[in-house]
Each structure stands twice: as C-alpha cells, then as structure tokens.
Amino acid sequence: MAVVMSMLWADATPEQYDTVRDAVDWEQVPGAGGQLHVAWFDARGLHVTDVWESREAFEAFMAQRLTPAIATARISGAPEVSFAPLHRRYVAPGTTGAA
C-alpha cells in the first residue's frame, strides 16, 4: 500500500538540501518505490512530502542513499517523520519533471 511520508527538519538549510539532492541525484536516479517528492522551506525549516510504494521503500532509500549524503552535508538534529496510508493521488495533466 502506498504511503505519504511527511518530514519536518528544523535544522536543514536550503543549501544543505541542495547538497543532498545533488549528491543523491534522485531526480535522475529515483529511489526504488519513490513516486512523488515535494520540498519547501518556511520559518520552521525544511518540509518534505513524499509518496512511496511502502514505508519500507522509503526507509531503504534513507539508509542506503540519503543518510551518507546527509552526513556529508552536515545537517544537524533529526527530522520529525510521519507516515500515513495514501488515500488518493492526483497529478494535473501536463505536470511533469522537476521545478
């Protein structure tokens, strides 16, 4: 069953996010089971919402690819992460790729 992963990482900066993104290169080499990724920053920090085929798929991606890049980017603290079953997904026609 697909899941929504929500993350808040108060200590992450936009520069650190970009460092991790570039190192992991998930836009060119997607994580197995990853379906959607959205990220933004506000006064509370980095927010990420992902859709994964399963929680286990996200956890494998985190362990194998994200964790080493996070260490290299020197992001301190730990994120708040939660999972919920996906109820419905809609992608507007014509929406593709990264922005």
PDB file of N, CA and C in Angstrom:
ATOM      1  N   MET A   1       0.834  -1.181   0.000  1.00  0.00           N
ATOM      2  CA  MET A   1       0.000   0.000   0.000  1.00  0.00           C
ATOM      3  C   MET A   1       0.877   1.242   0.000  1.00  0.00           C
ATOM      4  N   ALA A   2       0.597   2.182  -0.878  1.00  0.00           N
ATOM      5  CA  ALA A   2       1.349   3.427  -0.948  1.00  0.00           C
ATOM      6  C   ALA A   2       1.143   4.244   0.318  1.00  0.00           C
ATOM      7  N   VAL A   3       2.207   4.984   0.684  1.00  0.00           N
ATOM      8  CA  VAL A   3       2.167   5.809   1.892  1.00  0.00           C
ATOM      9  C   VAL A   3       2.631   7.223   1.575  1.00  0.00           C
ATOM     10  N   VAL A   4       2.149   8.159   2.385  1.00  0.00           N
ATOM     11  CA  VAL A   4       2.624   9.532   2.356  1.00  0.00           C
ATOM     12  C   VAL A   4       3.608   9.687   3.507  1.00  0.00           C
ATOM     13  N   MET A   5       4.800  10.170   3.179  1.00  0.00           N
ATOM     14  CA  MET A   5       5.810  10.449   4.190  1.00  0.00           C
ATOM     15  C   MET A   5       5.882  11.964   4.334  1.00  0.00           C
ATOM     16  N   SER A   6       5.723  12.447   5.561  1.00  0.00           N
ATOM     17  CA  SER A   6       5.842  13.876   5.854  1.00  0.00           C
ATOM     18  C   SER A   6       7.041  14.083   6.761  1.00  0.00           C
ATOM     19  N   MET A   7       7.856  15.069   6.425  1.00  0.00           N
ATOM     20  CA  MET A   7       9.067  15.329   7.198  1.00  0.00           C
ATOM     21  C   MET A   7       9.179  16.825   7.479  1.00  0.00           C
ATOM     22  N   LEU A   8       9.591  17.137   8.691  1.00  0.00           N
ATOM     23  CA  LEU A   8       9.987  18.492   9.069  1.00  0.00           C
ATOM     24  C   LEU A   8      11.378  18.388   9.664  1.00  0.00           C
ATOM     25  N   TRP A   9      12.317  19.125   9.070  1.00  0.00           N
ATOM     26  CA  TRP A   9      13.690  19.121   9.579  1.00  0.00           C
ATOM     27  C   TRP A   9      14.063  20.565   9.875  1.00  0.00           C
ATOM     28  N   ALA A  10      13.960  20.928  11.136  1.00  0.00           N
ATOM     29  CA  ALA A  10      14.148  22.322  11.551  1.00  0.00           C
ATOM     30  C   ALA A  10      15.565  22.822  11.296  1.00  0.00           C
ATOM     31  N   ASP A  11      16.554  21.940  11.361  1.00  0.00           N
ATOM     32  CA  ASP A  11      17.942  22.373  11.272  1.00  0.00           C
ATOM     33  C   ASP A  11      18.500  22.403   9.848  1.00  0.00           C
ATOM     34  N   ALA A  12      17.747  21.954   8.864  1.00  0.00           N
ATOM     35  CA  ALA A  12      18.251  21.890   7.489  1.00  0.00           C
ATOM     36  C   ALA A  12      18.091  23.235   6.790  1.00  0.00           C
ATOM     37  N   THR A  13      19.094  23.596   6.004  1.00  0.00           N
ATOM     38  CA  THR A  13      19.057  24.838   5.228  1.00  0.00           C
ATOM     39  C   THR A  13      18.812  24.512   3.753  1.00  0.00           C
ATOM     40  N   PRO A  14      18.394  25.495   2.972  1.00  0.00           N
ATOM     41  CA  PRO A  14      18.241  25.251   1.531  1.00  0.00           C
ATOM     42  C   PRO A  14      19.540  24.782   0.877  1.00  0.00           C
ATOM     43  N   GLU A  15      20.665  25.328   1.306  1.00  0.00           N
ATOM     44  CA  GLU A  15      21.954  24.928   0.739  1.00  0.00           C
ATOM     45  C   GLU A  15      22.261  23.458   1.058  1.00  0.00           C
ATOM     46  N   GLN A  16      21.960  23.034   2.280  1.00  0.00           N
ATOM     47  CA  GLN A  16      22.181  21.628   2.647  1.00  0.00           C
ATOM     48  C   GLN A  16      21.253  20.710   1.870  1.00  0.00           C
ATOM     49  N   TYR A  17      19.988  21.110   1.718  1.00  0.00           N
ATOM     50  CA  TYR A  17      19.049  20.316   0.914  1.00  0.00           C
ATOM     51  C   TYR A  17      19.597  20.145  -0.501  1.00  0.00           C
ATOM     52  N   ASP A  18      20.060  21.238  -1.108  1.00  0.00           N
ATOM     53  CA  ASP A  18      20.587  21.169  -2.470  1.00  0.00           C
ATOM     54  C   ASP A  18      21.834  20.292  -2.549  1.00  0.00           C
ATOM     55  N   THR A  19      22.673  20.339  -1.527  1.00  0.00           N
ATOM     56  CA  THR A  19      23.860  19.481  -1.480  1.00  0.00           C
ATOM     57  C   THR A  19      23.454  18.012  -1.462  1.00  0.00           C
ATOM     58  N   VAL A  20      22.475  17.685  -0.634  1.00  0.00           N
ATOM     59  CA  VAL A  20      21.995  16.295  -0.557  1.00  0.00           C
ATOM     60  C   VAL A  20      21.348  15.880  -1.875  1.00  0.00           C
ATOM     61  N   ARG A  21      20.507  16.744  -2.421  1.00  0.00           N
ATOM     62  CA  ARG A  21      19.842  16.437  -3.696  1.00  0.00           C
ATOM     63  C   ARG A  21      20.869  16.168  -4.793  1.00  0.00           C
ATOM     64  N   ASP A  22      21.882  17.015  -4.884  1.00  0.00           N
ATOM     65  CA  ASP A  22      22.905  16.829  -5.912  1.00  0.00           C
ATOM     66  C   ASP A  22      23.697  15.541  -5.699  1.00  0.00           C
ATOM     67  N   ALA A  23      24.013  15.231  -4.442  1.00  0.00           N
ATOM     68  CA  ALA A  23      24.799  14.024  -4.147  1.00  0.00           C
ATOM     69  C   ALA A  23      24.014  12.748  -4.431  1.00  0.00           C
ATOM     70  N   VAL A  24      22.743  12.745  -4.052  1.00  0.00           N
ATOM     71  CA  VAL A  24      21.914  11.543  -4.219  1.00  0.00           C
ATOM     72  C   VAL A  24      21.398  11.429  -5.656  1.00  0.00           C
ATOM     73  N   ASP A  25      21.152  12.573  -6.302  1.00  0.00           N
ATOM     74  CA  ASP A  25      20.700  12.637  -7.692  1.00  0.00           C
ATOM     75  C   ASP A  25      19.398  11.873  -7.914  1.00  0.00           C
ATOM     76  N   TRP A  26      18.438  12.051  -6.977  1.00  0.00           N
ATOM     77  CA  TRP A  26      17.185  11.299  -7.074  1.00  0.00           C
ATOM     78  C   TRP A  26      16.312  11.714  -8.253  1.00  0.00           C
ATOM     79  N   GLU A  27      16.584  12.882  -8.834  1.00  0.00           N
ATOM     80  CA  GLU A  27      15.785  13.290  -9.992  1.00  0.00           C
ATOM     81  C   GLU A  27      16.187  12.514 -11.249  1.00  0.00           C
ATOM     82  N   GLN A  28      17.445  12.101 -11.323  1.00  0.00           N
ATOM     83  CA  GLN A  28      17.913  11.302 -12.455  1.00  0.00           C
ATOM     84  C   GLN A  28      17.920   9.808 -12.151  1.00  0.00           C
ATOM     85  N   VAL A  29      18.155   9.463 -10.883  1.00  0.00           N
ATOM     86  CA  VAL A  29      18.187   8.068 -10.442  1.00  0.00           C
ATOM     87  C   VAL A  29      17.217   7.944  -9.265  1.00  0.00           C
ATOM     88  N   PRO A  30      15.920   7.816  -9.564  1.00  0.00           N
ATOM     89  CA  PRO A  30      14.922   7.792  -8.488  1.00  0.00           C
ATOM     90  C   PRO A  30      15.124   6.629  -7.522  1.00  0.00           C
ATOM     91  N   GLY A  31      14.713   6.855  -6.286  1.00  0.00           N
ATOM     92  CA  GLY A  31      14.727   5.784  -5.299  1.00  0.00           C
ATOM     93  C   GLY A  31      13.688   4.731  -5.664  1.00  0.00           C
ATOM     94  N   ALA A  32      14.037   3.476  -5.487  1.00  0.00           N
ATOM     95  CA  ALA A  32      13.102   2.390  -5.776  1.00  0.00           C
ATOM     96  C   ALA A  32      11.850   2.559  -4.923  1.00  0.00           C
ATOM     97  N   GLY A  33      10.712   2.681  -5.560  1.00  0.00           N
ATOM     98  CA  GLY A  33       9.458   2.821  -4.841  1.00  0.00           C
ATOM     99  C   GLY A  33       9.019   4.250  -4.604  1.00  0.00           C
ATOM    100  N   GLY A  34       9.885   5.219  -4.917  1.00  0.00           N
ATOM    101  CA  GLY A  34       9.512   6.616  -4.764  1.00  0.00           C
ATOM    102  C   GLY A  34       8.591   7.050  -5.894  1.00  0.00           C
ATOM    103  N   GLN A  35       7.525   7.777  -5.566  1.00  0.00           N
ATOM    104  CA  GLN A  35       6.542   8.163  -6.568  1.00  0.00           C
ATOM    105  C   GLN A  35       6.392   9.670  -6.720  1.00  0.00           C
ATOM    106  N   LEU A  36       6.621  10.421  -5.648  1.00  0.00           N
ATOM    107  CA  LEU A  36       6.418  11.865  -5.690  1.00  0.00           C
ATOM    108  C   LEU A  36       7.243  12.502  -4.579  1.00  0.00           C
ATOM    109  N   HIS A  37       7.832  13.666  -4.874  1.00  0.00           N
ATOM    110  CA  HIS A  37       8.622  14.388  -3.878  1.00  0.00           C
ATOM    111  C   HIS A  37       8.326  15.874  -4.015  1.00  0.00           C
ATOM    112  N   VAL A  38       8.005  16.522  -2.910  1.00  0.00           N
ATOM    113  CA  VAL A  38       7.786  17.965  -2.866  1.00  0.00           C
ATOM    114  C   VAL A  38       8.527  18.484  -1.639  1.00  0.00           C
ATOM    115  N   ALA A  39       9.268  19.589  -1.805  1.00  0.00           N
ATOM    116  CA  ALA A  39      10.019  20.160  -0.682  1.00  0.00           C
ATOM    117  C   ALA A  39       9.860  21.676  -0.673  1.00  0.00           C
ATOM    118  N   TRP A  40       9.846  22.247   0.539  1.00  0.00           N
ATOM    119  CA  TRP A  40       9.777  23.703   0.691  1.00  0.00           C
ATOM    120  C   TRP A  40      10.322  24.090   2.053  1.00  0.00           C
ATOM    121  N   PHE A  41      10.624  25.380   2.179  1.00  0.00           N
ATOM    122  CA  PHE A  41      11.139  25.934   3.429  1.00  0.00           C
ATOM    123  C   PHE A  41      10.213  27.026   3.920  1.00  0.00           C
ATOM    124  N   ASP A  42      10.093  27.117   5.238  1.00  0.00           N
ATOM    125  CA  ASP A  42       9.431  28.244   5.884  1.00  0.00           C
ATOM    126  C   ASP A  42      10.185  28.545   7.174  1.00  0.00           C
ATOM    127  N   ALA A  43       9.614  29.355   8.029  1.00  0.00           N
ATOM    128  CA  ALA A  43      10.290  29.742   9.269  1.00  0.00           C
ATOM    129  C   ALA A  43      10.584  28.550  10.179  1.00  0.00           C
ATOM    130  N   ARG A  44       9.860  27.453   9.997  1.00  0.00           N
ATOM    131  CA  ARG A  44      10.091  26.266  10.843  1.00  0.00           C
ATOM    132  C   ARG A  44      11.175  25.352  10.295  1.00  0.00           C
ATOM    133  N   GLY A  45      11.576  25.499   9.030  1.00  0.00           N
ATOM    134  CA  GLY A  45      12.629  24.668   8.468  1.00  0.00           C
ATOM    135  C   GLY A  45      12.218  24.012   7.163  1.00  0.00           C
ATOM    136  N   LEU A  46      12.854  22.880   6.872  1.00  0.00           N
ATOM    137  CA  LEU A  46      12.600  22.109   5.659  1.00  0.00           C
ATOM    138  C   LEU A  46      11.383  21.216   5.846  1.00  0.00           C
ATOM    139  N   HIS A  47      10.474  21.280   4.897  1.00  0.00           N
ATOM    140  CA  HIS A  47       9.315  20.400   4.856  1.00  0.00           C
ATOM    141  C   HIS A  47       9.431  19.531   3.607  1.00  0.00           C
ATOM    142  N   VAL A  48       9.148  18.259   3.748  1.00  0.00           N
ATOM    143  CA  VAL A  48       9.139  17.336   2.611  1.00  0.00           C
ATOM    144  C   VAL A  48       7.873  16.506   2.688  1.00  0.00           C
ATOM    145  N   THR A  49       7.219  16.343   1.551  1.00  0.00           N
ATOM    146  CA  THR A  49       6.107  15.408   1.427  1.00  0.00           C
ATOM    147  C   THR A  49       6.433  14.493   0.252  1.00  0.00           C
ATOM    148  N   ASP A  50       6.470  13.214   0.522  1.00  0.00           N
ATOM    149  CA  ASP A  50       6.750  12.197  -0.492  1.00  0.00           C
ATOM    150  C   ASP A  50       5.616  11.196  -0.543  1.00  0.00           C
ATOM    151  N   VAL A  51       5.480  10.545  -1.683  1.00  0.00           N
ATOM    152  CA  VAL A  51       4.642   9.356  -1.796  1.00  0.00           C
ATOM    153  C   VAL A  51       5.576   8.209  -2.170  1.00  0.00           C
ATOM    154  N   TRP A  52       5.481   7.127  -1.419  1.00  0.00           N
ATOM    155  CA  TRP A  52       6.301   5.927  -1.633  1.00  0.00           C
ATOM    156  C   TRP A  52       5.387   4.716  -1.752  1.00  0.00           C
ATOM    157  N   GLU A  53       5.861   3.687  -2.435  1.00  0.00           N
ATOM    158  CA  GLU A  53       5.055   2.467  -2.564  1.00  0.00           C
ATOM    159  C   GLU A  53       4.870   1.787  -1.209  1.00  0.00           C
ATOM    160  N   SER A  54       5.798   2.045  -0.273  1.00  0.00           N
ATOM    161  CA  SER A  54       5.685   1.492   1.081  1.00  0.00           C
ATOM    162  C   SER A  54       6.639   2.245   2.008  1.00  0.00           C
ATOM    163  N   ARG A  55       6.385   2.124   3.276  1.00  0.00           N
ATOM    164  CA  ARG A  55       7.287   2.718   4.275  1.00  0.00           C
ATOM    165  C   ARG A  55       8.673   2.087   4.174  1.00  0.00           C
ATOM    166  N   GLU A  56       8.689   0.788   3.919  1.00  0.00           N
ATOM    167  CA  GLU A  56       9.959   0.072   3.811  1.00  0.00           C
ATOM    168  C   GLU A  56      10.797   0.593   2.644  1.00  0.00           C
ATOM    169  N   ALA A  57      10.142   0.971   1.544  1.00  0.00           N
ATOM    170  CA  ALA A  57      10.876   1.518   0.399  1.00  0.00           C
ATOM    171  C   ALA A  57      11.550   2.833   0.778  1.00  0.00           C
ATOM    172  N   PHE A  58      10.823   3.697   1.498  1.00  0.00           N
ATOM    173  CA  PHE A  58      11.436   4.946   1.944  1.00  0.00           C
ATOM    174  C   PHE A  58      12.591   4.677   2.898  1.00  0.00           C
ATOM    175  N   GLU A  59      12.394   3.775   3.853  1.00  0.00           N
ATOM    176  CA  GLU A  59      13.431   3.502   4.845  1.00  0.00           C
ATOM    177  C   GLU A  59      14.688   2.929   4.194  1.00  0.00           C
ATOM    178  N   ALA A  60      14.536   2.114   3.157  1.00  0.00           N
ATOM    179  CA  ALA A  60      15.695   1.591   2.432  1.00  0.00           C
ATOM    180  C   ALA A  60      16.427   2.723   1.711  1.00  0.00           C
ATOM    181  N   PHE A  61      15.676   3.612   1.072  1.00  0.00           N
ATOM    182  CA  PHE A  61      16.273   4.763   0.388  1.00  0.00           C
ATOM    183  C   PHE A  61      17.011   5.650   1.387  1.00  0.00           C
ATOM    184  N   MET A  62      16.413   5.869   2.521  1.00  0.00           N
ATOM    185  CA  MET A  62      17.031   6.692   3.566  1.00  0.00           C
ATOM    186  C   MET A  62      18.349   6.069   4.010  1.00  0.00           C
ATOM    187  N   ALA A  63      18.325   4.778   4.310  1.00  0.00           N
ATOM    188  CA  ALA A  63      19.517   4.106   4.826  1.00  0.00           C
ATOM    189  C   ALA A  63      20.625   4.019   3.779  1.00  0.00           C
ATOM    190  N   GLN A  64      20.262   3.686   2.559  1.00  0.00           N
ATOM    191  CA  GLN A  64      21.275   3.403   1.541  1.00  0.00           C
ATOM    192  C   GLN A  64      21.791   4.642   0.825  1.00  0.00           C
ATOM    193  N   ARG A  65      20.936   5.636   0.620  1.00  0.00           N
ATOM    194  CA  ARG A  65      21.350   6.773  -0.205  1.00  0.00           C
ATOM    195  C   ARG A  65      21.316   8.113   0.522  1.00  0.00           C
ATOM    196  N   LEU A  66      20.280   8.363   1.324  1.00  0.00           N
ATOM    197  CA  LEU A  66      20.170   9.673   1.966  1.00  0.00           C
ATOM    198  C   LEU A  66      21.122   9.850   3.139  1.00  0.00           C
ATOM    199  N   THR A  67      21.201   8.878   4.012  1.00  0.00           N
ATOM    200  CA  THR A  67      21.998   9.023   5.233  1.00  0.00           C
ATOM    201  C   THR A  67      23.449   9.404   4.948  1.00  0.00           C
ATOM    202  N   PRO A  68      24.131   8.750   3.998  1.00  0.00           N
ATOM    203  CA  PRO A  68      25.514   9.175   3.723  1.00  0.00           C
ATOM    204  C   PRO A  68      25.601  10.623   3.222  1.00  0.00           C
ATOM    205  N   ALA A  69      24.660  11.035   2.379  1.00  0.00           N
ATOM    206  CA  ALA A  69      24.672  12.399   1.852  1.00  0.00           C
ATOM    207  C   ALA A  69      24.339  13.419   2.936  1.00  0.00           C
ATOM    208  N   ILE A  70      23.446  13.066   3.843  1.00  0.00           N
ATOM    209  CA  ILE A  70      23.092  13.951   4.961  1.00  0.00           C
ATOM    210  C   ILE A  70      24.309  14.176   5.847  1.00  0.00           C
ATOM    211  N   ALA A  71      25.070  13.117   6.083  1.00  0.00           N
ATOM    212  CA  ALA A  71      26.285  13.252   6.895  1.00  0.00           C
ATOM    213  C   ALA A  71      27.288  14.174   6.210  1.00  0.00           C
ATOM    214  N   THR A  72      27.447  14.028   4.907  1.00  0.00           N
ATOM    215  CA  THR A  72      28.372  14.880   4.148  1.00  0.00           C
ATOM    216  C   THR A  72      27.930  16.338   4.180  1.00  0.00           C
ATOM    217  N   ALA A  73      26.612  16.568   4.107  1.00  0.00           N
ATOM    218  CA  ALA A  73      26.077  17.941   4.132  1.00  0.00           C
ATOM    219  C   ALA A  73      26.084  18.531   5.542  1.00  0.00           C
ATOM    220  N   ARG A  74      26.356  17.702   6.534  1.00  0.00           N
ATOM    221  CA  ARG A  74      26.439  18.134   7.934  1.00  0.00           C
ATOM    222  C   ARG A  74      25.151  18.772   8.433  1.00  0.00           C
ATOM    223  N   ILE A  75      24.035  18.107   8.142  1.00  0.00           N
ATOM    224  CA  ILE A  75      22.761  18.580   8.674  1.00  0.00           C
ATOM    225  C   ILE A  75      22.653  18.092  10.105  1.00  0.00           C
ATOM    226  N   SER A  76      22.436  19.000  11.033  1.00  0.00           N
ATOM    227  CA  SER A  76      22.367  18.622  12.439  1.00  0.00           C
ATOM    228  C   SER A  76      20.936  18.288  12.831  1.00  0.00           C
ATOM    229  N   GLY A  77      20.808  17.741  14.016  1.00  0.00           N
ATOM    230  CA  GLY A  77      19.489  17.378  14.529  1.00  0.00           C
ATOM    231  C   GLY A  77      18.915  16.183  13.789  1.00  0.00           C
ATOM    232  N   ALA A  78      17.665  15.948  14.048  1.00  0.00           N
ATOM    233  CA  ALA A  78      16.960  14.833  13.412  1.00  0.00           C
ATOM    234  C   ALA A  78      15.598  15.324  12.937  1.00  0.00           C
ATOM    235  N   PRO A  79      15.129  14.781  11.835  1.00  0.00           N
ATOM    236  CA  PRO A  79      13.826  15.222  11.337  1.00  0.00           C
ATOM    237  C   PRO A  79      12.680  14.588  12.107  1.00  0.00           C
ATOM    238  N   GLU A  80      11.540  15.282  12.080  1.00  0.00           N
ATOM    239  CA  GLU A  80      10.285  14.675  12.523  1.00  0.00           C
ATOM    240  C   GLU A  80       9.680  14.023  11.288  1.00  0.00           C
ATOM    241  N   VAL A  81       9.427  12.726  11.358  1.00  0.00           N
ATOM    242  CA  VAL A  81       8.918  11.982  10.195  1.00  0.00           C
ATOM    243  C   VAL A  81       7.647  11.253  10.598  1.00  0.00           C
ATOM    244  N   SER A  82       6.654  11.316   9.718  1.00  0.00           N
ATOM    245  CA  SER A  82       5.430  10.542   9.947  1.00  0.00           C
ATOM    246  C   SER A  82       4.989   9.912   8.629  1.00  0.00           C
ATOM    247  N   PHE A  83       4.221   8.843   8.750  1.00  0.00           N
ATOM    248  CA  PHE A  83       3.702   8.106   7.601  1.00  0.00           C
ATOM    249  C   PHE A  83       2.196   7.954   7.741  1.00  0.00           C
ATOM    250  N   ALA A  84       1.503   7.971   6.621  1.00  0.00           N
ATOM    251  CA  ALA A  84       0.064   7.727   6.596  1.00  0.00           C
ATOM    252  C   ALA A  84      -0.263   7.001   5.298  1.00  0.00           C
ATOM    253  N   PRO A  85      -1.284   6.141   5.316  1.00  0.00           N
ATOM    254  CA  PRO A  85      -1.676   5.483   4.075  1.00  0.00           C
ATOM    255  C   PRO A  85      -2.163   6.520   3.064  1.00  0.00           C
ATOM    256  N   LEU A  86      -1.770   6.342   1.811  1.00  0.00           N
ATOM    257  CA  LEU A  86      -2.239   7.229   0.754  1.00  0.00           C
ATOM    258  C   LEU A  86      -3.703   6.915   0.461  1.00  0.00           C
ATOM    259  N   HIS A  87      -4.529   7.934   0.460  1.00  0.00           N
ATOM    260  CA  HIS A  87      -5.946   7.743   0.134  1.00  0.00           C
ATOM    261  C   HIS A  87      -6.182   7.983  -1.356  1.00  0.00           C
ATOM    262  N   ARG A  88      -5.589   9.050  -1.877  1.00  0.00           N
ATOM    263  CA  ARG A  88      -5.783   9.368  -3.294  1.00  0.00           C
ATOM    264  C   ARG A  88      -4.632  10.261  -3.758  1.00  0.00           C
ATOM    265  N   ARG A  89      -4.279  10.120  -5.024  1.00  0.00           N
ATOM    266  CA  ARG A  89      -3.234  10.938  -5.631  1.00  0.00           C
ATOM    267  C   ARG A  89      -3.793  11.517  -6.924  1.00  0.00           C
ATOM    268  N   TYR A  90      -3.530  12.788  -7.153  1.00  0.00           N
ATOM    269  CA  TYR A  90      -3.939  13.441  -8.391  1.00  0.00           C
ATOM    270  C   TYR A  90      -2.761  14.276  -8.875  1.00  0.00           C
ATOM    271  N   VAL A  91      -2.409  14.135 -10.129  1.00  0.00           N
ATOM    272  CA  VAL A  91      -1.392  14.963 -10.746  1.00  0.00           C
ATOM    273  C   VAL A  91      -2.057  15.644 -11.933  1.00  0.00           C
ATOM    274  N   ALA A  92      -1.987  16.969 -11.952  1.00  0.00           N
ATOM    275  CA  ALA A  92      -2.649  17.739 -13.005  1.00  0.00           C
ATOM    276  C   ALA A  92      -2.078  17.360 -14.373  1.00  0.00           C
ATOM    277  N   PRO A  93      -2.923  17.256 -15.382  1.00  0.00           N
ATOM    278  CA  PRO A  93      -2.451  16.944 -16.726  1.00  0.00           C
ATOM    279  C   PRO A  93      -1.370  17.945 -17.167  1.00  0.00           C
ATOM    280  N   GLY A  94      -0.328  17.435 -17.779  1.00  0.00           N
ATOM    281  CA  GLY A  94       0.747  18.291 -18.263  1.00  0.00           C
ATOM    282  C   GLY A  94       1.824  18.585 -17.233  1.00  0.00           C
ATOM    283  N   THR A  95       1.638  18.149 -16.005  1.00  0.00           N
ATOM    284  CA  THR A  95       2.636  18.368 -14.968  1.00  0.00           C
ATOM    285  C   THR A  95       3.651  17.251 -15.027  1.00  0.00           C
ATOM    286  N   THR A  96       4.907  17.615 -15.271  1.00  0.00           N
ATOM    287  CA  THR A  96       5.977  16.628 -15.336  1.00  0.00           C
ATOM    288  C   THR A  96       7.257  17.239 -14.809  1.00  0.00           C
ATOM    289  N   GLY A  97       8.185  16.390 -14.466  1.00  0.00           N
ATOM    290  CA  GLY A  97       9.540  16.811 -14.166  1.00  0.00           C
ATOM    291  C   GLY A  97       9.722  17.635 -12.923  1.00  0.00           C
ATOM    292  N   ALA A  98      10.946  18.098 -12.766  1.00  0.00           N
ATOM    293  CA  ALA A  98      11.336  18.892 -11.605  1.00  0.00           C
ATOM    294  C   ALA A  98      11.137  20.368 -11.891  1.00  0.00           C
ATOM    295  N   ALA A  99      11.017  21.123 -10.827  1.00  0.00           N
ATOM    296  CA  ALA A  99      10.872  22.575 -10.977  1.00  0.00           C
ATOM    297  C   ALA A  99      11.981  23.289 -10.252  1.00  0.00           C
TER     298      ALA A  99
END
